[in-house]
PDB file of all heavy atoms in Angstrom:
ATOM      1  N   ASN A   1      -3.249-123.230   1.357  1.00  0.00           N
ATOM      2  CA  ASN A   1      -2.552-122.570   0.250  1.00  0.00           C
ATOM      3  C   ASN A   1      -3.405-121.403  -0.236  1.00  0.00           C
ATOM      4  O   ASN A   1      -4.339-121.581  -1.022  1.00  0.00           O
ATOM      5  CB  ASN A   1      -2.303-123.566  -0.883  1.00  0.00           C
ATOM      6  CG  ASN A   1      -1.606-122.920  -2.069  1.00  0.00           C
ATOM      7  OD1 ASN A   1      -1.010-121.853  -1.943  1.00  0.00           O
ATOM      8  ND2 ASN A   1      -1.697-123.562  -3.232  1.00  0.00           N
ATOM      9  N   HIS A   2      -3.074-120.215   0.216  1.00  0.00           N
ATOM     10  CA  HIS A   2      -3.915-119.046  -0.061  1.00  0.00           C
ATOM     11  C   HIS A   2      -3.589-118.373  -1.400  1.00  0.00           C
ATOM     12  O   HIS A   2      -4.328-117.475  -1.831  1.00  0.00           O
ATOM     13  CB  HIS A   2      -3.803-118.022   1.071  1.00  0.00           C
ATOM     14  CG  HIS A   2      -2.400-117.664   1.444  1.00  0.00           C
ATOM     15  ND1 HIS A   2      -1.573-116.958   0.602  1.00  0.00           N
ATOM     16  CD2 HIS A   2      -1.681-117.925   2.559  1.00  0.00           C
ATOM     17  CE1 HIS A   2      -0.406-116.771   1.186  1.00  0.00           C
ATOM     18  NE2 HIS A   2      -0.430-117.369   2.383  1.00  0.00           N
ATOM     19  N   GLN A   3      -2.492-118.738  -2.033  1.00  0.00           N
ATOM     20  CA  GLN A   3      -2.098-118.188  -3.342  1.00  0.00           C
ATOM     21  C   GLN A   3      -1.963-116.663  -3.323  1.00  0.00           C
ATOM     22  O   GLN A   3      -2.142-115.983  -4.328  1.00  0.00           O
ATOM     23  CB  GLN A   3      -3.123-118.569  -4.424  1.00  0.00           C
ATOM     24  CG  GLN A   3      -3.321-120.076  -4.583  1.00  0.00           C
ATOM     25  CD  GLN A   3      -4.439-120.392  -5.535  1.00  0.00           C
ATOM     26  OE1 GLN A   3      -5.594-119.987  -5.317  1.00  0.00           O
ATOM     27  NE2 GLN A   3      -4.136-121.109  -6.602  1.00  0.00           N
ATOM     28  N   GLY A   4      -1.664-116.142  -2.138  1.00  0.00           N
ATOM     29  CA  GLY A   4      -1.450-114.698  -2.020  1.00  0.00           C
ATOM     30  C   GLY A   4      -2.720-113.881  -1.906  1.00  0.00           C
ATOM     31  O   GLY A   4      -2.686-112.648  -1.996  1.00  0.00           O
ATOM     32  N   VAL A   5      -3.865-114.552  -1.678  1.00  0.00           N
ATOM     33  CA  VAL A   5      -5.152-113.851  -1.644  1.00  0.00           C
ATOM     34  C   VAL A   5      -6.057-114.439  -0.568  1.00  0.00           C
ATOM     35  O   VAL A   5      -6.282-115.654  -0.530  1.00  0.00           O
ATOM     36  CB  VAL A   5      -5.881-113.952  -2.997  1.00  0.00           C
ATOM     37  CG1 VAL A   5      -7.243-113.283  -2.918  1.00  0.00           C
ATOM     38  CG2 VAL A   5      -5.061-113.349  -4.110  1.00  0.00           C
ATOM     39  N   ILE A   6      -6.569-113.572   0.308  1.00  0.00           N
ATOM     40  CA  ILE A   6      -7.588-113.967   1.286  1.00  0.00           C
ATOM     41  C   ILE A   6      -8.619-112.841   1.362  1.00  0.00           C
ATOM     42  O   ILE A   6      -8.266-111.660   1.350  1.00  0.00           O
ATOM     43  CB  ILE A   6      -6.980-114.211   2.688  1.00  0.00           C
ATOM     44  CG1 ILE A   6      -6.099-115.465   2.685  1.00  0.00           C
ATOM     45  CG2 ILE A   6      -8.082-114.358   3.738  1.00  0.00           C
ATOM     46  CD1 ILE A   6      -5.429-115.738   4.026  1.00  0.00           C
ATOM     47  N   ALA A   7      -9.890-113.197   1.457  1.00  0.00           N
ATOM     48  CA  ALA A   7     -10.947-112.202   1.611  1.00  0.00           C
ATOM     49  C   ALA A   7     -11.786-112.524   2.833  1.00  0.00           C
ATOM     50  O   ALA A   7     -11.865-113.677   3.265  1.00  0.00           O
ATOM     51  CB  ALA A   7     -11.833-112.165   0.370  1.00  0.00           C
ATOM     52  N   PHE A   8     -12.378-111.497   3.387  1.00  0.00           N
ATOM     53  CA  PHE A   8     -13.279-111.648   4.521  1.00  0.00           C
ATOM     54  C   PHE A   8     -14.718-111.580   4.005  1.00  0.00           C
ATOM     55  O   PHE A   8     -15.157-110.542   3.509  1.00  0.00           O
ATOM     56  CB  PHE A   8     -13.055-110.548   5.555  1.00  0.00           C
ATOM     57  CG  PHE A   8     -11.729-110.645   6.262  1.00  0.00           C
ATOM     58  CD1 PHE A   8     -10.607-110.014   5.738  1.00  0.00           C
ATOM     59  CD2 PHE A   8     -11.601-111.370   7.434  1.00  0.00           C
ATOM     60  CE1 PHE A   8      -9.377-110.103   6.378  1.00  0.00           C
ATOM     61  CE2 PHE A   8     -10.376-111.459   8.086  1.00  0.00           C
ATOM     62  CZ  PHE A   8      -9.261-110.827   7.547  1.00  0.00           C
ATOM     63  N   ALA A   9     -15.419-112.691   4.097  1.00  0.00           N
ATOM     64  CA  ALA A   9     -16.830-112.711   3.702  1.00  0.00           C
ATOM     65  C   ALA A   9     -17.639-111.869   4.673  1.00  0.00           C
ATOM     66  O   ALA A   9     -17.379-111.853   5.875  1.00  0.00           O
ATOM     67  CB  ALA A   9     -17.345-114.147   3.681  1.00  0.00           C
ATOM     68  N   GLY A  10     -18.612-111.137   4.142  1.00  0.00           N
ATOM     69  CA  GLY A  10     -19.385-110.229   4.983  1.00  0.00           C
ATOM     70  C   GLY A  10     -20.634-110.863   5.557  1.00  0.00           C
ATOM     71  O   GLY A  10     -21.179-111.819   5.009  1.00  0.00           O
ATOM     72  N   LEU A  11     -21.096-110.303   6.656  1.00  0.00           N
ATOM     73  CA  LEU A  11     -22.365-110.710   7.254  1.00  0.00           C
ATOM     74  C   LEU A  11     -23.515-109.865   6.729  1.00  0.00           C
ATOM     75  O   LEU A  11     -24.673-110.220   6.875  1.00  0.00           O
ATOM     76  CB  LEU A  11     -22.291-110.567   8.782  1.00  0.00           C
ATOM     77  CG  LEU A  11     -21.342-111.530   9.505  1.00  0.00           C
ATOM     78  CD1 LEU A  11     -21.240-111.157  10.974  1.00  0.00           C
ATOM     79  CD2 LEU A  11     -21.815-112.957   9.363  1.00  0.00           C
ATOM     80  N   VAL A  12     -23.170-108.697   6.156  1.00  0.00           N
ATOM     81  CA  VAL A  12     -24.177-107.755   5.672  1.00  0.00           C
ATOM     82  C   VAL A  12     -24.128-107.709   4.149  1.00  0.00           C
ATOM     83  O   VAL A  12     -23.053-107.687   3.558  1.00  0.00           O
ATOM     84  CB  VAL A  12     -23.917-106.347   6.251  1.00  0.00           C
ATOM     85  CG1 VAL A  12     -24.873-105.327   5.649  1.00  0.00           C
ATOM     86  CG2 VAL A  12     -24.049-106.358   7.774  1.00  0.00           C
ATOM     87  N   SER A  13     -25.274-107.695   3.520  1.00  0.00           N
ATOM     88  CA  SER A  13     -25.349-107.584   2.064  1.00  0.00           C
ATOM     89  C   SER A  13     -25.365-106.105   1.675  1.00  0.00           C
ATOM     90  O   SER A  13     -26.254-105.361   2.087  1.00  0.00           O
ATOM     91  CB  SER A  13     -26.626-108.250   1.542  1.00  0.00           C
ATOM     92  OG  SER A  13     -26.615-109.622   1.849  1.00  0.00           O
ATOM     93  N   TYR A  14     -24.362-105.688   0.909  1.00  0.00           N
ATOM     94  CA  TYR A  14     -24.273-104.290   0.492  1.00  0.00           C
ATOM     95  C   TYR A  14     -25.047-104.079  -0.798  1.00  0.00           C
ATOM     96  O   TYR A  14     -25.006-104.904  -1.703  1.00  0.00           O
ATOM     97  CB  TYR A  14     -22.808-103.880   0.311  1.00  0.00           C
ATOM     98  CG  TYR A  14     -22.014-103.966   1.595  1.00  0.00           C
ATOM     99  CD1 TYR A  14     -21.053-104.954   1.768  1.00  0.00           C
ATOM    100  CD2 TYR A  14     -22.246-103.071   2.632  1.00  0.00           C
ATOM    101  CE1 TYR A  14     -20.331-105.042   2.959  1.00  0.00           C
ATOM    102  CE2 TYR A  14     -21.534-103.158   3.821  1.00  0.00           C
ATOM    103  CZ  TYR A  14     -20.575-104.139   3.976  1.00  0.00           C
ATOM    104  OH  TYR A  14     -19.873-104.231   5.139  1.00  0.00           O
ATOM    105  N   MET A  15     -25.720-102.946  -0.890  1.00  0.00           N
ATOM    106  CA  MET A  15     -26.587-102.652  -2.023  1.00  0.00           C
ATOM    107  C   MET A  15     -26.074-101.430  -2.778  1.00  0.00           C
ATOM    108  O   MET A  15     -25.373-100.588  -2.221  1.00  0.00           O
ATOM    109  CB  MET A  15     -28.016-102.379  -1.535  1.00  0.00           C
ATOM    110  CG  MET A  15     -28.526-103.324  -0.448  1.00  0.00           C
ATOM    111  SD  MET A  15     -28.554-105.054  -0.924  1.00  0.00           S
ATOM    112  CE  MET A  15     -30.002-105.071  -1.960  1.00  0.00           C
ATOM    113  N   ASP A  16     -26.441-101.329  -4.054  1.00  0.00           N
ATOM    114  CA  ASP A  16     -26.111-100.174  -4.871  1.00  0.00           C
ATOM    115  C   ASP A  16     -27.043 -99.018  -4.519  1.00  0.00           C
ATOM    116  O   ASP A  16     -28.266 -99.203  -4.424  1.00  0.00           O
ATOM    117  CB  ASP A  16     -26.248-100.545  -6.343  1.00  0.00           C
ATOM    118  CG  ASP A  16     -25.979 -99.373  -7.257  1.00  0.00           C
ATOM    119  OD1 ASP A  16     -24.807 -98.997  -7.407  1.00  0.00           O
ATOM    120  OD2 ASP A  16     -26.966 -98.828  -7.805  1.00  0.00           O
ATOM    121  N   LEU A  17     -26.477 -97.822  -4.347  1.00  0.00           N
ATOM    122  CA  LEU A  17     -27.273 -96.680  -3.897  1.00  0.00           C
ATOM    123  C   LEU A  17     -28.408 -96.353  -4.855  1.00  0.00           C
ATOM    124  O   LEU A  17     -29.548 -96.149  -4.432  1.00  0.00           O
ATOM    125  CB  LEU A  17     -26.370 -95.456  -3.698  1.00  0.00           C
ATOM    126  CG  LEU A  17     -27.076 -94.154  -3.282  1.00  0.00           C
ATOM    127  CD1 LEU A  17     -27.886 -94.342  -2.001  1.00  0.00           C
ATOM    128  CD2 LEU A  17     -26.046 -93.036  -3.114  1.00  0.00           C
ATOM    129  N   GLN A  18     -28.129 -96.302  -6.151  1.00  0.00           N
ATOM    130  CA  GLN A  18     -29.182 -95.962  -7.102  1.00  0.00           C
ATOM    131  C   GLN A  18     -30.281 -97.024  -7.098  1.00  0.00           C
ATOM    132  O   GLN A  18     -31.474 -96.686  -7.177  1.00  0.00           O
ATOM    133  CB  GLN A  18     -28.603 -95.823  -8.512  1.00  0.00           C
ATOM    134  CG  GLN A  18     -29.618 -95.375  -9.559  1.00  0.00           C
ATOM    135  CD  GLN A  18     -30.223 -94.014  -9.247  1.00  0.00           C
ATOM    136  OE1 GLN A  18     -29.518 -93.018  -9.146  1.00  0.00           O
ATOM    137  NE2 GLN A  18     -31.547 -93.963  -9.075  1.00  0.00           N
ATOM    138  N   GLU A  19     -29.903 -98.280  -6.982  1.00  0.00           N
ATOM    139  CA  GLU A  19     -30.912 -99.345  -6.923  1.00  0.00           C
ATOM    140  C   GLU A  19     -31.786 -99.210  -5.677  1.00  0.00           C
ATOM    141  O   GLU A  19     -32.993 -99.453  -5.719  1.00  0.00           O
ATOM    142  CB  GLU A  19     -30.239-100.708  -6.957  1.00  0.00           C
ATOM    143  CG  GLU A  19     -29.639-101.069  -8.304  1.00  0.00           C
ATOM    144  CD  GLU A  19     -29.029-102.464  -8.322  1.00  0.00           C
ATOM    145  OE1 GLU A  19     -29.105-103.154  -7.289  1.00  0.00           O
ATOM    146  OE2 GLU A  19     -28.481-102.847  -9.362  1.00  0.00           O
ATOM    147  N   VAL A  20     -31.165 -98.819  -4.569  1.00  0.00           N
ATOM    148  CA  VAL A  20     -31.930 -98.634  -3.336  1.00  0.00           C
ATOM    149  C   VAL A  20     -32.915 -97.480  -3.491  1.00  0.00           C
ATOM    150  O   VAL A  20     -34.091 -97.585  -3.109  1.00  0.00           O
ATOM    151  CB  VAL A  20     -30.986 -98.380  -2.142  1.00  0.00           C
ATOM    152  CG1 VAL A  20     -31.769 -97.882  -0.931  1.00  0.00           C
ATOM    153  CG2 VAL A  20     -30.233 -99.652  -1.783  1.00  0.00           C
ATOM    154  N   ILE A  21     -32.443 -96.374  -4.068  1.00  0.00           N
ATOM    155  CA  ILE A  21     -33.334 -95.225  -4.287  1.00  0.00           C
ATOM    156  C   ILE A  21     -34.515 -95.647  -5.155  1.00  0.00           C
ATOM    157  O   ILE A  21     -35.680 -95.373  -4.828  1.00  0.00           O
ATOM    158  CB  ILE A  21     -32.571 -94.059  -4.940  1.00  0.00           C
ATOM    159  CG1 ILE A  21     -31.506 -93.514  -3.986  1.00  0.00           C
ATOM    160  CG2 ILE A  21     -33.545 -92.940  -5.325  1.00  0.00           C
ATOM    161  CD1 ILE A  21     -30.532 -92.542  -4.631  1.00  0.00           C
ATOM    162  N   ASP A  22     -34.233 -96.318  -6.271  1.00  0.00           N
ATOM    163  CA  ASP A  22     -35.302 -96.761  -7.175  1.00  0.00           C
ATOM    164  C   ASP A  22     -36.287 -97.682  -6.456  1.00  0.00           C
ATOM    165  O   ASP A  22     -37.506 -97.583  -6.639  1.00  0.00           O
ATOM    166  CB  ASP A  22     -34.702 -97.499  -8.377  1.00  0.00           C
ATOM    167  CG  ASP A  22     -33.876 -96.582  -9.279  1.00  0.00           C
ATOM    168  OD1 ASP A  22     -34.029 -95.349  -9.170  1.00  0.00           O
ATOM    169  OD2 ASP A  22     -33.070 -97.109 -10.070  1.00  0.00           O
ATOM    170  N   HIS A  23     -35.736 -98.584  -5.635  1.00  0.00           N
ATOM    171  CA  HIS A  23     -36.577 -99.547  -4.920  1.00  0.00           C
ATOM    172  C   HIS A  23     -37.485 -98.850  -3.907  1.00  0.00           C
ATOM    173  O   HIS A  23     -38.687 -99.140  -3.837  1.00  0.00           O
ATOM    174  CB  HIS A  23     -35.682-100.560  -4.214  1.00  0.00           C
ATOM    175  CG  HIS A  23     -36.430-101.592  -3.436  1.00  0.00           C
ATOM    176  ND1 HIS A  23     -37.200-102.570  -4.021  1.00  0.00           N
ATOM    177  CD2 HIS A  23     -36.516-101.809  -2.093  1.00  0.00           C
ATOM    178  CE1 HIS A  23     -37.739-103.339  -3.081  1.00  0.00           C
ATOM    179  NE2 HIS A  23     -37.345-102.890  -1.915  1.00  0.00           N
ATOM    180  N   VAL A  24     -36.904 -97.944  -3.124  1.00  0.00           N
ATOM    181  CA  VAL A  24     -37.686 -97.234  -2.103  1.00  0.00           C
ATOM    182  C   VAL A  24     -38.794 -96.418  -2.751  1.00  0.00           C
ATOM    183  O   VAL A  24     -39.953 -96.447  -2.310  1.00  0.00           O
ATOM    184  CB  VAL A  24     -36.753 -96.326  -1.261  1.00  0.00           C
ATOM    185  CG1 VAL A  24     -37.573 -95.389  -0.372  1.00  0.00           C
ATOM    186  CG2 VAL A  24     -35.813 -97.176  -0.409  1.00  0.00           C
ATOM    187  N   VAL A  25     -38.467 -95.708  -3.829  1.00  0.00           N
ATOM    188  CA  VAL A  25     -39.461 -94.880  -4.515  1.00  0.00           C
ATOM    189  C   VAL A  25     -40.548 -95.753  -5.152  1.00  0.00           C
ATOM    190  O   VAL A  25     -41.737 -95.433  -5.098  1.00  0.00           O
ATOM    191  CB  VAL A  25     -38.783 -93.990  -5.575  1.00  0.00           C
ATOM    192  CG1 VAL A  25     -39.825 -93.265  -6.423  1.00  0.00           C
ATOM    193  CG2 VAL A  25     -37.864 -92.968  -4.899  1.00  0.00           C
ATOM    194  N   SER A  26     -40.133 -96.884  -5.743  1.00  0.00           N
ATOM    195  CA  SER A  26     -41.117 -97.763  -6.401  1.00  0.00           C
ATOM    196  C   SER A  26     -42.099 -98.350  -5.403  1.00  0.00           C
ATOM    197  O   SER A  26     -43.227 -98.709  -5.768  1.00  0.00           O
ATOM    198  CB  SER A  26     -40.402 -98.887  -7.152  1.00  0.00           C
ATOM    199  OG  SER A  26     -39.812 -99.815  -6.252  1.00  0.00           O
ATOM    200  N   GLU A  27     -41.688 -98.450  -4.150  1.00  0.00           N
ATOM    201  CA  GLU A  27     -42.591 -98.952  -3.106  1.00  0.00           C
ATOM    202  C   GLU A  27     -43.501 -97.854  -2.553  1.00  0.00           C
ATOM    203  O   GLU A  27     -44.305 -98.101  -1.656  1.00  0.00           O
ATOM    204  CB  GLU A  27     -41.779 -99.567  -1.961  1.00  0.00           C
ATOM    205  CG  GLU A  27     -41.151-100.914  -2.296  1.00  0.00           C
ATOM    206  CD  GLU A  27     -40.679-101.645  -1.052  1.00  0.00           C
ATOM    207  OE1 GLU A  27     -40.230-100.971  -0.098  1.00  0.00           O
ATOM    208  OE2 GLU A  27     -40.777-102.881  -1.041  1.00  0.00           O
ATOM    209  N   GLY A  28     -43.344 -96.638  -3.085  1.00  0.00           N
ATOM    210  CA  GLY A  28     -44.176 -95.533  -2.635  1.00  0.00           C
ATOM    211  C   GLY A  28     -43.749 -94.936  -1.316  1.00  0.00           C
ATOM    212  O   GLY A  28     -44.526 -94.229  -0.659  1.00  0.00           O
ATOM    213  N   LYS A  29     -42.507 -95.180  -0.918  1.00  0.00           N
ATOM    214  CA  LYS A  29     -42.008 -94.652   0.354  1.00  0.00           C
ATOM    215  C   LYS A  29     -41.264 -93.343   0.144  1.00  0.00           C
ATOM    216  O   LYS A  29     -40.718 -93.077  -0.920  1.00  0.00           O
ATOM    217  CB  LYS A  29     -41.087 -95.680   1.017  1.00  0.00           C
ATOM    218  CG  LYS A  29     -41.802 -96.960   1.430  1.00  0.00           C
ATOM    219  CD  LYS A  29     -40.847 -97.959   2.053  1.00  0.00           C
ATOM    220  CE  LYS A  29     -41.564 -99.244   2.464  1.00  0.00           C
ATOM    221  NZ  LYS A  29     -40.616-100.256   2.984  1.00  0.00           N
ATOM    222  N   ASN A  30     -41.256 -92.530   1.178  1.00  0.00           N
ATOM    223  CA  ASN A  30     -40.565 -91.237   1.171  1.00  0.00           C
ATOM    224  C   ASN A  30     -39.134 -91.456   1.666  1.00  0.00           C
ATOM    225  O   ASN A  30     -38.922 -91.753   2.841  1.00  0.00           O
ATOM    226  CB  ASN A  30     -41.315 -90.268   2.082  1.00  0.00           C
ATOM    227  CG  ASN A  30     -40.738 -88.864   2.032  1.00  0.00           C
ATOM    228  OD1 ASN A  30     -39.851 -88.568   1.227  1.00  0.00           O
ATOM    229  ND2 ASN A  30     -41.228 -87.997   2.901  1.00  0.00           N
ATOM    230  N   PRO A  31     -38.121 -91.331   0.803  1.00  0.00           N
ATOM    231  CA  PRO A  31     -36.752 -91.645   1.226  1.00  0.00           C
ATOM    232  C   PRO A  31     -36.294 -90.890   2.476  1.00  0.00           C
ATOM    233  O   PRO A  31     -36.456 -89.672   2.576  1.00  0.00           O
ATOM    234  CB  PRO A  31     -35.919 -91.234   0.003  1.00  0.00           C
ATOM    235  CG  PRO A  31     -36.843 -91.412  -1.152  1.00  0.00           C
ATOM    236  CD  PRO A  31     -38.188 -90.988  -0.632  1.00  0.00           C
ATOM    237  N   LEU A  32     -35.753 -91.647   3.410  1.00  0.00           N
ATOM    238  CA  LEU A  32     -35.111 -91.099   4.593  1.00  0.00           C
ATOM    239  C   LEU A  32     -33.861 -91.949   4.832  1.00  0.00           C
ATOM    240  O   LEU A  32     -33.955 -93.087   5.269  1.00  0.00           O
ATOM    241  CB  LEU A  32     -36.037 -91.155   5.816  1.00  0.00           C
ATOM    242  CG  LEU A  32     -35.425 -90.693   7.151  1.00  0.00           C
ATOM    243  CD1 LEU A  32     -34.937 -89.250   7.074  1.00  0.00           C
ATOM    244  CD2 LEU A  32     -36.424 -90.855   8.297  1.00  0.00           C
ATOM    245  N   PHE A  33     -32.706 -91.395   4.476  1.00  0.00           N
ATOM    246  CA  PHE A  33     -31.451 -92.131   4.547  1.00  0.00           C
ATOM    247  C   PHE A  33     -30.514 -91.476   5.563  1.00  0.00           C
ATOM    248  O   PHE A  33     -30.655 -90.305   5.901  1.00  0.00           O
ATOM    249  CB  PHE A  33     -30.744 -92.145   3.182  1.00  0.00           C
ATOM    250  CG  PHE A  33     -31.533 -92.779   2.059  1.00  0.00           C
ATOM    251  CD1 PHE A  33     -31.160 -92.567   0.740  1.00  0.00           C
ATOM    252  CD2 PHE A  33     -32.627 -93.591   2.303  1.00  0.00           C
ATOM    253  CE1 PHE A  33     -31.862 -93.141  -0.312  1.00  0.00           C
ATOM    254  CE2 PHE A  33     -33.343 -94.181   1.271  1.00  0.00           C
ATOM    255  CZ  PHE A  33     -32.958 -93.946  -0.046  1.00  0.00           C
ATOM    256  N   VAL A  34     -29.545 -92.246   6.012  1.00  0.00           N
ATOM    257  CA  VAL A  34     -28.483 -91.730   6.882  1.00  0.00           C
ATOM    258  C   VAL A  34     -27.140 -92.069   6.252  1.00  0.00           C
ATOM    259  O   VAL A  34     -26.912 -93.217   5.849  1.00  0.00           O
ATOM    260  CB  VAL A  34     -28.565 -92.329   8.307  1.00  0.00           C
ATOM    261  CG1 VAL A  34     -27.356 -91.892   9.138  1.00  0.00           C
ATOM    262  CG2 VAL A  34     -29.858 -91.904   8.992  1.00  0.00           C
ATOM    263  N   MET A  35     -26.269 -91.067   6.158  1.00  0.00           N
ATOM    264  CA  MET A  35     -24.921 -91.259   5.642  1.00  0.00           C
ATOM    265  C   MET A  35     -23.922 -91.044   6.776  1.00  0.00           C
ATOM    266  O   MET A  35     -24.056 -90.094   7.557  1.00  0.00           O
ATOM    267  CB  MET A  35     -24.637 -90.269   4.502  1.00  0.00           C
ATOM    268  CG  MET A  35     -23.258 -90.388   3.884  1.00  0.00           C
ATOM    269  SD  MET A  35     -22.957 -89.119   2.612  1.00  0.00           S
ATOM    270  CE  MET A  35     -24.101 -89.622   1.336  1.00  0.00           C
ATOM    271  N   LEU A  36     -22.933 -91.931   6.869  1.00  0.00           N
ATOM    272  CA  LEU A  36     -21.943 -91.840   7.948  1.00  0.00           C
ATOM    273  C   LEU A  36     -20.580 -91.455   7.388  1.00  0.00           C
ATOM    274  O   LEU A  36     -20.072 -92.104   6.481  1.00  0.00           O
ATOM    275  CB  LEU A  36     -21.852 -93.177   8.688  1.00  0.00           C
ATOM    276  CG  LEU A  36     -23.146 -93.668   9.330  1.00  0.00           C
ATOM    277  CD1 LEU A  36     -22.911 -94.983  10.075  1.00  0.00           C
ATOM    278  CD2 LEU A  36     -23.731 -92.624  10.272  1.00  0.00           C
ATOM    279  N   ASP A  37     -20.002 -90.398   7.942  1.00  0.00           N
ATOM    280  CA  ASP A  37     -18.702 -89.905   7.504  1.00  0.00           C
ATOM    281  C   ASP A  37     -17.718 -89.973   8.670  1.00  0.00           C
ATOM    282  O   ASP A  37     -17.816 -89.181   9.601  1.00  0.00           O
ATOM    283  CB  ASP A  37     -18.830 -88.460   7.004  1.00  0.00           C
ATOM    284  CG  ASP A  37     -17.488 -87.845   6.640  1.00  0.00           C
ATOM    285  OD1 ASP A  37     -16.563 -88.600   6.278  1.00  0.00           O
ATOM    286  OD2 ASP A  37     -17.363 -86.604   6.716  1.00  0.00           O
ATOM    287  N   GLY A  38     -16.801 -90.929   8.624  1.00  0.00           N
ATOM    288  CA  GLY A  38     -15.783 -91.019   9.666  1.00  0.00           C
ATOM    289  C   GLY A  38     -16.237 -91.723  10.932  1.00  0.00           C
ATOM    290  O   GLY A  38     -15.526 -91.700  11.937  1.00  0.00           O
ATOM    291  N   VAL A  39     -17.407 -92.347  10.913  1.00  0.00           N
ATOM    292  CA  VAL A  39     -17.894 -93.106  12.075  1.00  0.00           C
ATOM    293  C   VAL A  39     -17.317 -94.513  11.972  1.00  0.00           C
ATOM    294  O   VAL A  39     -17.695 -95.277  11.088  1.00  0.00           O
ATOM    295  CB  VAL A  39     -19.432 -93.142  12.128  1.00  0.00           C
ATOM    296  CG1 VAL A  39     -19.907 -93.937  13.337  1.00  0.00           C
ATOM    297  CG2 VAL A  39     -19.995 -91.730  12.155  1.00  0.00           C
ATOM    298  N   THR A  40     -16.381 -94.840  12.853  1.00  0.00           N
ATOM    299  CA  THR A  40     -15.645 -96.103  12.720  1.00  0.00           C
ATOM    300  C   THR A  40     -16.054 -97.177  13.725  1.00  0.00           C
ATOM    301  O   THR A  40     -15.790 -98.349  13.510  1.00  0.00           O
ATOM    302  CB  THR A  40     -14.133 -95.847  12.879  1.00  0.00           C
ATOM    303  OG1 THR A  40     -13.892 -95.214  14.146  1.00  0.00           O
ATOM    304  CG2 THR A  40     -13.623 -94.917  11.773  1.00  0.00           C
ATOM    305  N   ASP A  41     -16.686 -96.794  14.815  1.00  0.00           N
ATOM    306  CA  ASP A  41     -17.066 -97.759  15.848  1.00  0.00           C
ATOM    307  C   ASP A  41     -18.258 -98.582  15.352  1.00  0.00           C
ATOM    308  O   ASP A  41     -19.347 -98.038  15.140  1.00  0.00           O
ATOM    309  CB  ASP A  41     -17.420 -97.025  17.145  1.00  0.00           C
ATOM    310  CG  ASP A  41     -17.620 -97.969  18.320  1.00  0.00           C
ATOM    311  OD1 ASP A  41     -18.216 -99.048  18.139  1.00  0.00           O
ATOM    312  OD2 ASP A  41     -17.191 -97.621  19.436  1.00  0.00           O
TER     313      ASP A  41
END
């Protein structure tokens, strides 16, 4: 009985971008990120 709602649990933990930036900087690392636009495979 799904009550009209089903979700797919993820295998990957998604993070907030600002939190990631703060975390990387607080560790003394030089940010190097990759952003994907339209990459579906």
